[in-house]
C-alpha atoms as a PDB file:
ATOM      1  CA  MET A   1     109.506 132.835   9.386  1.00  0.00           C
ATOM      2  CA  LYS A   2     106.726 133.356  11.905  1.00  0.00           C
ATOM      3  CA  ILE A   3     107.445 134.779  15.075  1.00  0.00           C
ATOM      4  CA  ALA A   4     106.218 133.012  18.182  1.00  0.00           C
ATOM      5  CA  ASP A   5     103.117 134.725  19.944  1.00  0.00           C
ATOM      6  CA  GLU A   6     105.232 134.676  23.028  1.00  0.00           C
ATOM      7  CA  LEU A   7     107.959 136.999  21.548  1.00  0.00           C
ATOM      8  CA  LEU A   8     105.445 139.535  19.476  1.00  0.00           C
ATOM      9  CA  THR A   9     105.835 142.236  22.320  1.00  0.00           C
ATOM     10  CA  LEU A  10     109.660 141.740  22.498  1.00  0.00           C
ATOM     11  CA  THR A  11     109.918 141.750  18.742  1.00  0.00           C
ATOM     12  CA  ARG A  12     107.987 144.919  18.579  1.00  0.00           C
ATOM     13  CA  GLU A  13     110.313 146.566  21.061  1.00  0.00           C
ATOM     14  CA  HIS A  14     113.118 145.291  19.437  1.00  0.00           C
ATOM     15  CA  HIS A  15     111.860 147.683  16.150  1.00  0.00           C
ATOM     16  CA  ILE A  16     111.691 150.458  18.662  1.00  0.00           C
ATOM     17  CA  ALA A  17     115.323 149.608  19.639  1.00  0.00           C
ATOM     18  CA  LEU A  18     116.546 149.468  16.039  1.00  0.00           C
ATOM     19  CA  SER A  19     114.672 152.794  15.119  1.00  0.00           C
ATOM     20  CA  LEU A  20     116.787 154.367  18.199  1.00  0.00           C
ATOM     21  CA  GLY A  21     119.878 152.990  17.122  1.00  0.00           C
ATOM     22  CA  ASN A  22     119.357 154.266  13.767  1.00  0.00           C
ATOM     23  CA  LYS A  23     118.627 157.681  15.012  1.00  0.00           C
ATOM     24  CA  CYS A  24     121.999 157.791  16.880  1.00  0.00           C
ATOM     25  CA  VAL A  25     123.817 156.794  13.802  1.00  0.00           C
ATOM     26  CA  ASN A  26     121.817 159.188  11.554  1.00  0.00           C
ATOM     27  CA  ALA A  27     122.466 161.940  13.866  1.00  0.00           C
ATOM     28  CA  LEU A  28     126.245 161.491  13.857  1.00  0.00           C
ATOM     29  CA  LYS A  29     126.200 161.154   9.865  1.00  0.00           C
ATOM     30  CA  ALA A  30     124.424 164.714   9.981  1.00  0.00           C
ATOM     31  CA  GLN A  31     126.918 166.090  12.110  1.00  0.00           C
ATOM     32  CA  ASP A  32     124.098 167.886  13.854  1.00  0.00           C
ATOM     33  CA  ALA A  33     125.387 168.912  17.314  1.00  0.00           C
ATOM     34  CA  ASN A  34     122.105 170.263  18.848  1.00  0.00           C
ATOM     35  CA  LEU A  35     120.696 166.734  17.734  1.00  0.00           C
ATOM     36  CA  ILE A  36     123.289 164.761  19.049  1.00  0.00           C
ATOM     37  CA  SER A  37     122.968 166.811  22.266  1.00  0.00           C
ATOM     38  CA  GLU A  38     119.282 166.334  22.307  1.00  0.00           C
ATOM     39  CA  LEU A  39     119.690 162.630  21.527  1.00  0.00           C
ATOM     40  CA  CYS A  40     122.212 162.096  24.322  1.00  0.00           C
ATOM     41  CA  SER A  41     120.149 164.033  26.883  1.00  0.00           C
ATOM     42  CA  LYS A  42     117.230 161.818  25.778  1.00  0.00           C
ATOM     43  CA  ILE A  43     118.594 158.374  25.946  1.00  0.00           C
ATOM     44  CA  SER A  44     120.457 159.219  29.198  1.00  0.00           C
ATOM     45  CA  GLN A  45     117.295 160.438  30.968  1.00  0.00           C
ATOM     46  CA  ASN A  46     115.170 157.678  29.534  1.00  0.00           C
ATOM     47  CA  PHE A  47     116.820 154.395  28.202  1.00  0.00           C
ATOM     48  CA  LYS A  48     116.674 152.558  31.421  1.00  0.00           C
ATOM     49  CA  MET A  49     113.059 153.390  32.169  1.00  0.00           C
ATOM     50  CA  ASP A  50     112.219 152.437  28.808  1.00  0.00           C
ATOM     51  CA  PHE A  51     113.916 149.303  28.464  1.00  0.00           C
ATOM     52  CA  HIS A  52     114.161 147.820  31.857  1.00  0.00           C
ATOM     53  CA  GLN A  53     111.133 146.006  31.790  1.00  0.00           C
ATOM     54  CA  HIS A  54     112.105 144.444  28.423  1.00  0.00           C
ATOM     55  CA  PHE A  55     115.546 143.697  29.875  1.00  0.00           C
ATOM     56  CA  GLU A  56     114.285 142.018  32.816  1.00  0.00           C
ATOM     57  CA  THR A  57     111.687 139.813  30.923  1.00  0.00           C
ATOM     58  CA  GLU A  58     114.538 138.603  28.877  1.00  0.00           C
ATOM     59  CA  GLU A  59     117.010 138.067  31.374  1.00  0.00           C
ATOM     60  CA  ALA A  60     114.327 136.738  33.980  1.00  0.00           C
ATOM     61  CA  THR A  61     112.623 134.171  31.492  1.00  0.00           C
ATOM     62  CA  ILE A  62     113.864 133.501  27.937  1.00  0.00           C
ATOM     63  CA  PHE A  63     117.799 133.686  29.163  1.00  0.00           C
ATOM     64  CA  ALA A  64     117.058 132.000  32.089  1.00  0.00           C
ATOM     65  CA  PHE A  65     115.152 129.019  30.304  1.00  0.00           C
ATOM     66  CA  LEU A  66     117.409 128.786  27.284  1.00  0.00           C
ATOM     67  CA  SER A  67     120.708 128.745  29.149  1.00  0.00           C
ATOM     68  CA  GLU A  68     119.608 125.481  30.470  1.00  0.00           C
ATOM     69  CA  LYS A  69     119.191 123.910  26.945  1.00  0.00           C
ATOM     70  CA  SER A  70     122.806 124.196  26.092  1.00  0.00           C
ATOM     71  CA  ALA A  71     126.331 125.294  26.763  1.00  0.00           C
ATOM     72  CA  ASP A  72     126.004 127.362  23.419  1.00  0.00           C
ATOM     73  CA  LEU A  73     122.591 128.823  24.462  1.00  0.00           C
ATOM     74  CA  ALA A  74     123.987 129.769  27.657  1.00  0.00           C
ATOM     75  CA  GLN A  75     127.227 131.660  26.310  1.00  0.00           C
ATOM     76  CA  LEU A  76     125.017 133.357  24.040  1.00  0.00           C
ATOM     77  CA  CYS A  77     122.726 134.526  26.986  1.00  0.00           C
ATOM     78  CA  ALA A  78     125.653 135.362  28.900  1.00  0.00           C
ATOM     79  CA  LYS A  79     126.773 137.596  26.096  1.00  0.00           C
ATOM     80  CA  LEU A  80     123.445 139.309  25.913  1.00  0.00           C
ATOM     81  CA  THR A  81     123.228 139.880  29.506  1.00  0.00           C
ATOM     82  CA  HIS A  82     126.426 141.418  29.542  1.00  0.00           C
ATOM     83  CA  GLU A  83     125.385 143.622  26.504  1.00  0.00           C
ATOM     84  CA  HIS A  84     122.142 144.928  28.328  1.00  0.00           C
ATOM     85  CA  GLN A  85     124.954 146.223  31.157  1.00  0.00           C
ATOM     86  CA  GLN A  86     126.929 147.897  28.445  1.00  0.00           C
ATOM     87  CA  LEU A  87     123.825 149.670  26.937  1.00  0.00           C
ATOM     88  CA  TYR A  88     122.800 151.124  30.424  1.00  0.00           C
ATOM     89  CA  ASP A  89     126.343 152.008  31.040  1.00  0.00           C
ATOM     90  CA  LEU A  90     126.771 153.901  27.722  1.00  0.00           C
ATOM     91  CA  ALA A  91     123.240 155.458  28.026  1.00  0.00           C
ATOM     92  CA  ASN A  92     123.953 156.605  31.507  1.00  0.00           C
ATOM     93  CA  HIS A  93     127.043 158.564  30.413  1.00  0.00           C
ATOM     94  CA  LEU A  94     126.131 159.985  27.076  1.00  0.00           C
ATOM     95  CA  VAL A  95     125.624 163.611  27.929  1.00  0.00           C
ATOM     96  CA  LYS A  96     129.247 163.622  29.396  1.00  0.00           C
ATOM     97  CA  ASN A  97     130.367 161.494  26.432  1.00  0.00           C
ATOM     98  CA  PRO A  98     128.541 162.001  23.277  1.00  0.00           C
ATOM     99  CA  GLN A  99     131.377 160.582  21.332  1.00  0.00           C
ATOM    100  CA  THR A 100     130.084 157.374  22.344  1.00  0.00           C
ATOM    101  CA  LEU A 101     126.571 157.764  20.636  1.00  0.00           C
ATOM    102  CA  GLU A 102     127.750 155.737  17.957  1.00  0.00           C
ATOM    103  CA  LYS A 103     128.990 152.850  19.759  1.00  0.00           C
ATOM    104  CA  PHE A 104     125.529 152.849  21.824  1.00  0.00           C
ATOM    105  CA  GLY A 105     123.537 153.117  18.581  1.00  0.00           C
ATOM    106  CA  LYS A 106     125.465 150.336  16.781  1.00  0.00           C
ATOM    107  CA  LEU A 107     125.225 148.036  19.718  1.00  0.00           C
ATOM    108  CA  LEU A 108     121.713 148.520  20.318  1.00  0.00           C
ATOM    109  CA  LYS A 109     121.054 147.640  16.754  1.00  0.00           C
ATOM    110  CA  SER A 110     123.367 144.601  16.816  1.00  0.00           C
ATOM    111  CA  HIS A 111     122.158 143.416  20.062  1.00  0.00           C
ATOM    112  CA  ALA A 112     118.295 143.483  18.996  1.00  0.00           C
ATOM    113  CA  ARG A 113     119.155 141.491  15.704  1.00  0.00           C
ATOM    114  CA  LEU A 114     121.255 139.102  17.803  1.00  0.00           C
ATOM    115  CA  GLU A 115     118.556 138.235  19.683  1.00  0.00           C
ATOM    116  CA  ASP A 116     115.792 138.031  16.907  1.00  0.00           C
ATOM    117  CA  ARG A 117     117.911 136.057  14.730  1.00  0.00           C
ATOM    118  CA  GLN A 118     119.850 133.653  17.060  1.00  0.00           C
ATOM    119  CA  LEU A 119     118.319 133.415  20.261  1.00  0.00           C
ATOM    120  CA  PHE A 120     114.528 133.798  19.343  1.00  0.00           C
ATOM    121  CA  PRO A 121     114.474 131.013  16.820  1.00  0.00           C
ATOM    122  CA  ASN A 122     115.058 128.759  19.591  1.00  0.00           C
ATOM    123  CA  ILE A 123     111.754 129.195  21.771  1.00  0.00           C
ATOM    124  CA  ASN A 124     110.797 126.025  20.461  1.00  0.00           C
ATOM    125  CA  LEU A 125     113.055 124.306  22.934  1.00  0.00           C
ATOM    126  CA  LEU A 126     110.712 125.196  25.750  1.00  0.00           C
ATOM    127  CA  SER A 127     107.937 123.779  27.213  1.00  0.00           C
ATOM    128  CA  ALA A 128     104.560 125.280  27.077  1.00  0.00           C
ATOM    129  CA  ALA A 129     104.700 126.398  30.560  1.00  0.00           C
ATOM    130  CA  GLU A 130     108.131 128.230  30.166  1.00  0.00           C
ATOM    131  CA  ARG A 131     106.493 129.810  27.072  1.00  0.00           C
ATOM    132  CA  GLN A 132     103.381 130.997  29.153  1.00  0.00           C
ATOM    133  CA  ILE A 133     105.399 132.612  31.600  1.00  0.00           C
ATOM    134  CA  ILE A 134     107.312 134.619  28.810  1.00  0.00           C
ATOM    135  CA  LEU A 135     104.126 135.700  27.317  1.00  0.00           C
ATOM    136  CA  GLU A 136     102.676 136.803  30.935  1.00  0.00           C
ATOM    137  CA  SER A 137     105.814 138.603  31.733  1.00  0.00           C
ATOM    138  CA  SER A 138     105.907 140.315  28.179  1.00  0.00           C
ATOM    139  CA  LEU A 139     102.329 141.359  28.399  1.00  0.00           C
ATOM    140  CA  LYS A 140     102.836 143.134  31.804  1.00  0.00           C
ATOM    141  CA  HIS A 141     104.924 145.986  30.237  1.00  0.00           C
ATOM    142  CA  SER A 142     103.160 146.255  26.694  1.00  0.00           C
ATOM    143  CA  SER A 143     100.283 147.958  28.104  1.00  0.00           C
END
């Protein structure tokens, strides 16, 4: 399926999220305490800064617009917004709670996939003006 132009930046950022999620899971599989510690520290320091604009764009545009289209989409968008907060919370506490690295990694991966597979295909329900707002918002943080 072709990805809508308005979603290209966000979809690319999902690839980054999936890669980070895989690093988390793989670090635990390797049982490398130094790698786990470094990863937890890096995520705690950078996750919010790295993903804030991405989450903000989704919540202020896609989630807001699609929530108005149906009760099912509103429920999905509420779930995804909640997951954003969960990811922030887990990331903030990884240094003191490295045992939650797997939970963080798995949630990040499942979250990105859920958006790509179940939310983003509904972009065609939006007006041209709404789609333009999504594009402009996502381009602001892609450079």
